Amino acid sequence: MPADPAARRAWQVAATVTDPEIPVLTIEDLGVLRSVEIGEGGAVRVQLTPTYSGCPALDAMRDDVLLALTHAGYDEVRVDLVLAPAWSTDWMSEAGKQKLRRYGIQAPTGHAAARGSGPVRVQLAVKCPRCNSLDTRELARFGSTSCKALYECRACLEPFDYFKVL
């Protein structure tokens, strides 16, 4: 969150925008909201980093940020997409991960920053967000969106999405 009070107010407005694919999460929860700056004459510049470059929700997020800030009284708003550094599930807030679990999507486990350094970690099980059982199995590497995998819980027999570590 910006230190500048004017930018912080604009951040708070932008941070209310929800992910169109997972409406219980805000773009702040996801870590997609990267920065908010106030320029000359009160112009607002927002930077978003999509969860992946082909994210189909990207245009909707950008439009929703523009709309939220315009409705809040900001006359000049620019939303830029920033692809580097690439988004990581490490940027998700703990509150966002809890919201995912309550919504029925298992939040990512582990840290993406650990990939590529040292031994390869093998994920042994994904916990069911409904009954907390570890007796689950992957049904499909890609779930309702590319950033999620489809799992089934063998204990409660419910399918669920798992937000992959990226």
Protein backbone atom coordinates (compact mmCIF):
# COMPACT_ATOMS: atom_id res chain seq x y z
CA MET A 1 0.00 0.00 0.00
CA PRO A 2 1.37 3.43 -0.89
CA ALA A 3 2.77 5.72 1.81
CA ASP A 4 1.31 8.84 0.13
CA PRO A 5 -2.19 9.51 1.60
CA ALA A 6 -3.73 10.43 -1.78
CA ALA A 7 -2.35 7.32 -3.44
CA ARG A 8 -3.41 5.22 -0.45
CA ARG A 9 -7.03 6.44 -0.86
CA ALA A 10 -6.97 5.49 -4.56
CA TRP A 11 -5.41 2.11 -3.65
CA GLN A 12 -8.24 1.44 -1.19
CA VAL A 13 -10.80 2.06 -3.96
CA ALA A 14 -8.94 -0.14 -6.47
CA ALA A 15 -8.50 -2.83 -3.80
CA THR A 16 -12.29 -3.31 -3.61
CA VAL A 17 -12.39 -4.74 -7.15
CA THR A 18 -13.04 -8.47 -7.12
CA ASP A 19 -11.69 -11.15 -9.40
CA PRO A 20 -14.39 -11.89 -12.01
CA GLU A 21 -13.61 -15.62 -11.86
CA ILE A 22 -13.43 -15.88 -8.06
CA PRO A 23 -15.73 -13.15 -6.73
CA VAL A 24 -14.82 -13.73 -3.06
CA LEU A 25 -11.28 -12.47 -3.75
CA THR A 26 -10.24 -8.90 -4.38
CA ILE A 27 -7.39 -8.06 -6.71
CA GLU A 28 -5.50 -7.03 -3.58
CA ASP A 29 -6.09 -10.47 -2.01
CA LEU A 30 -4.69 -12.07 -5.17
CA GLY A 31 -1.65 -9.78 -5.29
CA VAL A 32 -2.67 -8.64 -8.77
CA LEU A 33 -2.88 -4.99 -7.64
CA ARG A 34 0.78 -3.97 -7.78
CA SER A 35 0.88 -0.19 -7.39
CA VAL A 36 -1.17 3.00 -7.37
CA GLU A 37 0.36 6.41 -7.96
CA ILE A 38 -1.08 9.90 -8.12
CA GLY A 39 0.47 12.13 -10.76
CA GLU A 40 0.10 15.73 -11.79
CA GLY A 41 -3.41 17.11 -11.53
CA GLY A 42 -4.58 14.09 -9.55
CA ALA A 43 -4.20 11.59 -12.40
CA VAL A 44 -4.25 8.01 -11.09
CA ARG A 45 -1.97 5.33 -12.50
CA VAL A 46 -2.65 1.74 -11.45
CA GLN A 47 -0.45 -1.24 -12.24
CA LEU A 48 -1.86 -4.77 -12.38
CA THR A 49 0.07 -8.00 -12.86
CA PRO A 50 -2.19 -10.77 -14.17
CA THR A 51 -2.04 -14.24 -12.67
CA TYR A 52 -0.82 -15.36 -16.08
CA SER A 53 -0.42 -13.51 -19.38
CA GLY A 54 -3.38 -15.24 -21.05
CA CYS A 55 -5.78 -14.67 -18.15
CA PRO A 56 -9.28 -14.22 -19.63
CA ALA A 57 -10.35 -12.09 -16.65
CA LEU A 58 -7.70 -9.44 -17.29
CA ASP A 59 -9.83 -7.09 -19.38
CA ALA A 60 -12.68 -7.29 -16.87
CA MET A 61 -10.30 -6.50 -13.98
CA ARG A 62 -8.87 -3.51 -15.82
CA ASP A 63 -12.36 -2.22 -16.69
CA ASP A 64 -13.59 -2.74 -13.11
CA VAL A 65 -10.62 -0.78 -11.70
CA LEU A 66 -11.30 2.06 -14.15
CA LEU A 67 -14.98 2.06 -13.23
CA ALA A 68 -14.37 1.93 -9.45
CA LEU A 69 -11.93 4.83 -9.52
CA THR A 70 -14.10 6.88 -11.89
CA HIS A 71 -17.14 6.35 -9.65
CA ALA A 72 -15.02 7.42 -6.67
CA GLY A 73 -14.44 10.78 -8.35
CA TYR A 74 -11.10 10.31 -10.06
CA ASP A 75 -11.29 11.98 -13.47
CA GLU A 76 -8.10 10.71 -15.07
CA VAL A 77 -7.32 7.02 -14.55
CA ARG A 78 -4.84 4.82 -16.37
CA VAL A 79 -4.45 1.10 -15.75
CA ASP A 80 -1.23 -0.51 -16.98
CA LEU A 81 -0.55 -4.22 -17.18
CA VAL A 82 2.86 -5.25 -15.89
CA LEU A 83 4.12 -8.70 -16.86
CA ALA A 84 7.53 -8.60 -15.17
CA PRO A 85 8.15 -9.83 -12.65
CA ALA A 86 5.65 -12.57 -13.33
CA TRP A 87 2.83 -12.98 -10.82
CA SER A 88 3.35 -15.62 -8.16
CA THR A 89 0.97 -17.31 -5.73
CA ASP A 90 3.43 -16.08 -3.09
CA TRP A 91 1.81 -12.65 -3.63
CA MET A 92 -1.58 -13.85 -2.39
CA SER A 93 -2.54 -12.59 1.04
CA GLU A 94 -3.23 -15.01 3.89
CA ALA A 95 -6.72 -13.50 4.14
CA GLY A 96 -7.22 -14.27 0.45
CA LYS A 97 -6.13 -17.88 0.95
CA GLN A 98 -8.64 -18.23 3.79
CA LYS A 99 -11.39 -16.76 1.58
CA LEU A 100 -10.53 -19.31 -1.12
CA ARG A 101 -10.85 -22.20 1.33
CA ARG A 102 -14.21 -20.96 2.63
CA TYR A 103 -15.37 -20.66 -1.00
CA GLY A 104 -14.44 -24.30 -1.62
CA ILE A 105 -11.15 -23.84 -3.49
CA GLN A 106 -8.02 -25.16 -1.84
CA ALA A 107 -5.45 -22.38 -1.66
CA PRO A 108 -1.94 -22.94 -2.99
CA THR A 109 0.39 -24.74 -0.63
CA GLY A 110 4.11 -24.16 -0.61
CA HIS A 111 6.05 -21.27 -2.05
CA ALA A 112 6.79 -20.62 -5.69
CA ALA A 113 10.03 -18.86 -4.72
CA ALA A 114 11.45 -22.23 -3.66
CA ARG A 115 11.10 -23.68 -7.16
CA GLY A 116 14.27 -24.13 -9.10
CA SER A 117 16.54 -23.98 -6.07
CA GLY A 118 17.74 -27.18 -4.55
CA PRO A 119 15.85 -30.48 -4.46
CA VAL A 120 12.57 -30.81 -6.30
CA ARG A 121 9.72 -30.88 -3.82
CA VAL A 122 6.99 -33.40 -4.45
CA GLN A 123 3.51 -32.52 -3.32
CA LEU A 124 2.11 -35.55 -1.55
CA ALA A 125 -1.49 -34.49 -0.98
CA VAL A 126 -3.87 -31.57 -1.36
CA LYS A 127 -6.21 -31.06 1.58
CA CYS A 128 -9.95 -30.97 0.84
CA PRO A 129 -11.29 -27.46 1.60
CA ARG A 130 -14.62 -28.94 2.73
CA CYS A 131 -13.70 -31.76 5.15
CA ASN A 132 -9.89 -31.24 5.51
CA SER A 133 -9.13 -34.80 4.43
CA LEU A 134 -5.79 -35.49 2.77
CA ASP A 135 -7.32 -38.45 0.92
CA THR A 136 -7.66 -36.59 -2.38
CA ARG A 137 -6.65 -37.17 -5.96
CA GLU A 138 -6.08 -34.99 -8.99
CA LEU A 139 -8.71 -35.52 -11.70
CA ALA A 140 -7.42 -32.96 -14.19
CA ARG A 141 -4.33 -30.74 -14.25
CA PHE A 142 -6.52 -27.85 -15.42
CA GLY A 143 -9.74 -27.03 -13.58
CA SER A 144 -12.26 -24.27 -14.16
CA THR A 145 -9.36 -21.98 -15.10
CA SER A 146 -5.76 -22.65 -16.11
CA CYS A 147 -4.44 -21.56 -12.72
CA LYS A 148 -6.44 -24.27 -10.94
CA ALA A 149 -6.42 -28.07 -11.00
CA LEU A 150 -9.50 -30.23 -10.47
CA TYR A 151 -9.36 -32.60 -7.48
CA GLU A 152 -11.70 -35.08 -5.86
CA CYS A 153 -11.92 -35.85 -2.16
CA ARG A 154 -12.18 -39.56 -1.51
CA ALA A 155 -13.51 -38.97 2.01
CA CYS A 156 -16.49 -36.69 1.30
CA LEU A 157 -16.64 -37.48 -2.46
CA GLU A 158 -16.78 -33.78 -3.38
CA PRO A 159 -14.85 -32.34 -6.31
CA PHE A 160 -12.92 -29.12 -5.70
CA ASP A 161 -10.50 -26.76 -7.40
CA TYR A 162 -6.93 -26.41 -6.15
CA PHE A 163 -5.22 -23.10 -6.89
CA LYS A 164 -1.85 -24.27 -8.20
CA VAL A 165 1.43 -22.87 -6.92
CA LEU A 166 2.70 -20.64 -9.69
